[in-house]
Amino acid sequence: MVLKLIFFIAIILFSIIWTISTNKFLPREVIDNNQSHNQYDERQSKIIIEVLARSFVWMVQACLLFLVFRIFGFWDMKNSLINSYPEVIFLTIALIQLIFNYFSVSKKYSVKGMSNEK
């Protein structure tokens, strides 16, 4: 009973910390909160939104790829990292995609990149 209570409190604390950090660090367009103070200008907000959108698309593609691998058995996943801890694999893919997409999108929205598009 005590373990269940501790687990419940941990979930509540994680939710509170997650909500506070997203409200503090993400643009208001992402969190759908028009009352919050927006610390980003329009260009920075567009960059963050585009990076998150591109990364989400890549994560869906990675999930579908791993699903196809599991369905058709392209490799043996018994005793592998993806079978034991799939969260680690997906978090690693997400982090790599966020970094890659940030650099490609910020290059697109730089003064040099914007002048090439026109």
Protein backbone atom coordinates (compact mmCIF):
# COMPACT_ATOMS: atom_id res chain seq x y z
CA MET A 1 0.00 0.00 0.00
CA VAL A 2 2.84 2.41 0.86
CA LEU A 3 4.61 1.55 -2.39
CA LYS A 4 1.48 2.39 -4.39
CA LEU A 5 1.18 5.71 -2.57
CA ILE A 6 4.84 6.56 -3.27
CA PHE A 7 4.34 5.61 -6.93
CA PHE A 8 1.25 7.85 -7.14
CA ILE A 9 3.10 10.77 -5.53
CA ALA A 10 6.02 10.28 -7.94
CA ILE A 11 3.64 10.46 -10.91
CA ILE A 12 2.02 13.63 -9.55
CA LEU A 13 5.43 15.26 -8.94
CA PHE A 14 6.64 14.31 -12.41
CA SER A 15 3.49 15.79 -13.95
CA ILE A 16 3.90 19.03 -12.02
CA ILE A 17 7.59 19.36 -12.94
CA TRP A 18 6.83 18.54 -16.59
CA THR A 19 4.06 21.14 -16.77
CA ILE A 20 6.16 23.85 -15.14
CA SER A 21 9.16 23.18 -17.41
CA THR A 22 7.10 23.10 -20.61
CA ASN A 23 5.32 26.31 -19.64
CA LYS A 24 8.65 27.95 -18.90
CA PHE A 25 10.75 26.81 -21.87
CA LEU A 26 8.38 26.28 -24.80
CA PRO A 27 6.70 29.02 -26.85
CA ARG A 28 3.07 29.68 -26.06
CA GLU A 29 1.99 28.46 -29.51
CA VAL A 30 3.24 24.99 -28.63
CA ILE A 31 1.59 24.73 -25.23
CA ASP A 32 -1.61 26.51 -26.31
CA ASN A 33 -1.45 29.06 -23.53
CA ASN A 34 -2.10 32.61 -24.70
CA GLN A 35 -1.84 34.12 -21.24
CA SER A 36 1.76 33.09 -20.61
CA HIS A 37 4.68 35.42 -21.23
CA ASN A 38 6.41 34.49 -24.45
CA GLN A 39 10.19 34.81 -24.16
CA TYR A 40 10.72 34.02 -27.83
CA ASP A 41 10.34 36.28 -30.82
CA GLU A 42 8.40 35.14 -33.88
CA ARG A 43 11.43 33.67 -35.66
CA GLN A 44 12.51 31.67 -32.61
CA SER A 45 8.97 30.39 -32.10
CA LYS A 46 8.77 29.24 -35.72
CA ILE A 47 12.12 27.46 -35.39
CA ILE A 48 11.06 25.60 -32.25
CA ILE A 49 7.67 24.64 -33.70
CA GLU A 50 9.22 23.39 -36.95
CA VAL A 51 11.92 21.42 -35.09
CA LEU A 52 9.31 19.73 -32.90
CA ALA A 53 7.08 18.98 -35.90
CA ARG A 54 9.90 17.49 -37.98
CA SER A 55 11.14 15.45 -35.04
CA PHE A 56 7.65 14.12 -34.40
CA VAL A 57 7.36 12.95 -38.01
CA TRP A 58 10.72 11.19 -37.77
CA MET A 59 9.69 9.52 -34.51
CA VAL A 60 6.51 8.18 -36.11
CA GLN A 61 8.60 6.86 -39.00
CA ALA A 62 11.03 5.20 -36.56
CA CYS A 63 8.14 3.59 -34.66
CA LEU A 64 6.68 2.25 -37.90
CA LEU A 65 10.08 0.94 -38.99
CA PHE A 66 10.59 -0.92 -35.72
CA LEU A 67 7.04 -2.27 -35.98
CA VAL A 68 7.78 -3.62 -39.44
CA PHE A 69 11.03 -5.16 -38.13
CA ARG A 70 9.11 -6.91 -35.36
CA ILE A 71 6.28 -8.10 -37.60
CA PHE A 72 8.49 -9.55 -40.31
CA GLY A 73 11.34 -10.60 -37.99
CA PHE A 74 14.15 -8.95 -39.93
CA TRP A 75 16.46 -9.44 -36.99
CA ASP A 76 16.31 -11.39 -33.77
CA MET A 77 15.37 -9.00 -30.99
CA LYS A 78 15.59 -11.45 -28.11
CA ASN A 79 18.10 -10.28 -25.49
CA SER A 80 18.67 -7.06 -27.41
CA LEU A 81 18.58 -3.52 -26.12
CA ILE A 82 15.46 -2.62 -28.09
CA ASN A 83 13.57 -5.56 -26.61
CA SER A 84 14.71 -4.86 -23.06
CA TYR A 85 14.59 -1.06 -23.06
CA PRO A 86 12.79 0.30 -26.14
CA GLU A 87 12.41 3.68 -24.42
CA VAL A 88 16.17 4.19 -24.50
CA ILE A 89 16.27 3.62 -28.24
CA PHE A 90 13.37 5.97 -28.96
CA LEU A 91 14.68 8.68 -26.64
CA THR A 92 18.09 8.44 -28.33
CA ILE A 93 16.48 8.70 -31.77
CA ALA A 94 14.40 11.67 -30.59
CA LEU A 95 17.43 13.47 -29.17
CA ILE A 96 19.46 12.93 -32.34
CA GLN A 97 16.56 14.13 -34.48
CA LEU A 98 15.99 17.20 -32.32
CA ILE A 99 19.65 18.19 -32.63
CA PHE A 100 19.81 17.48 -36.37
CA ASN A 101 16.52 19.28 -37.06
CA TYR A 102 17.50 22.26 -34.94
CA PHE A 103 20.64 22.87 -36.98
CA SER A 104 18.90 22.38 -40.33
CA VAL A 105 15.92 24.58 -39.41
CA SER A 106 18.00 27.33 -37.79
CA LYS A 107 20.12 27.40 -40.95
CA LYS A 108 16.93 27.83 -42.95
CA TYR A 109 15.76 30.74 -40.77
CA SER A 110 19.15 32.46 -40.62
CA VAL A 111 19.69 35.69 -42.54
CA LYS A 112 21.88 33.85 -45.05
CA GLY A 113 19.31 31.05 -45.52
CA MET A 114 16.39 33.45 -45.87
CA SER A 115 18.18 35.48 -48.53
CA ASN A 116 18.77 32.31 -50.61
CA GLU A 117 15.08 31.39 -50.57
CA LYS A 118 13.88 34.69 -52.07
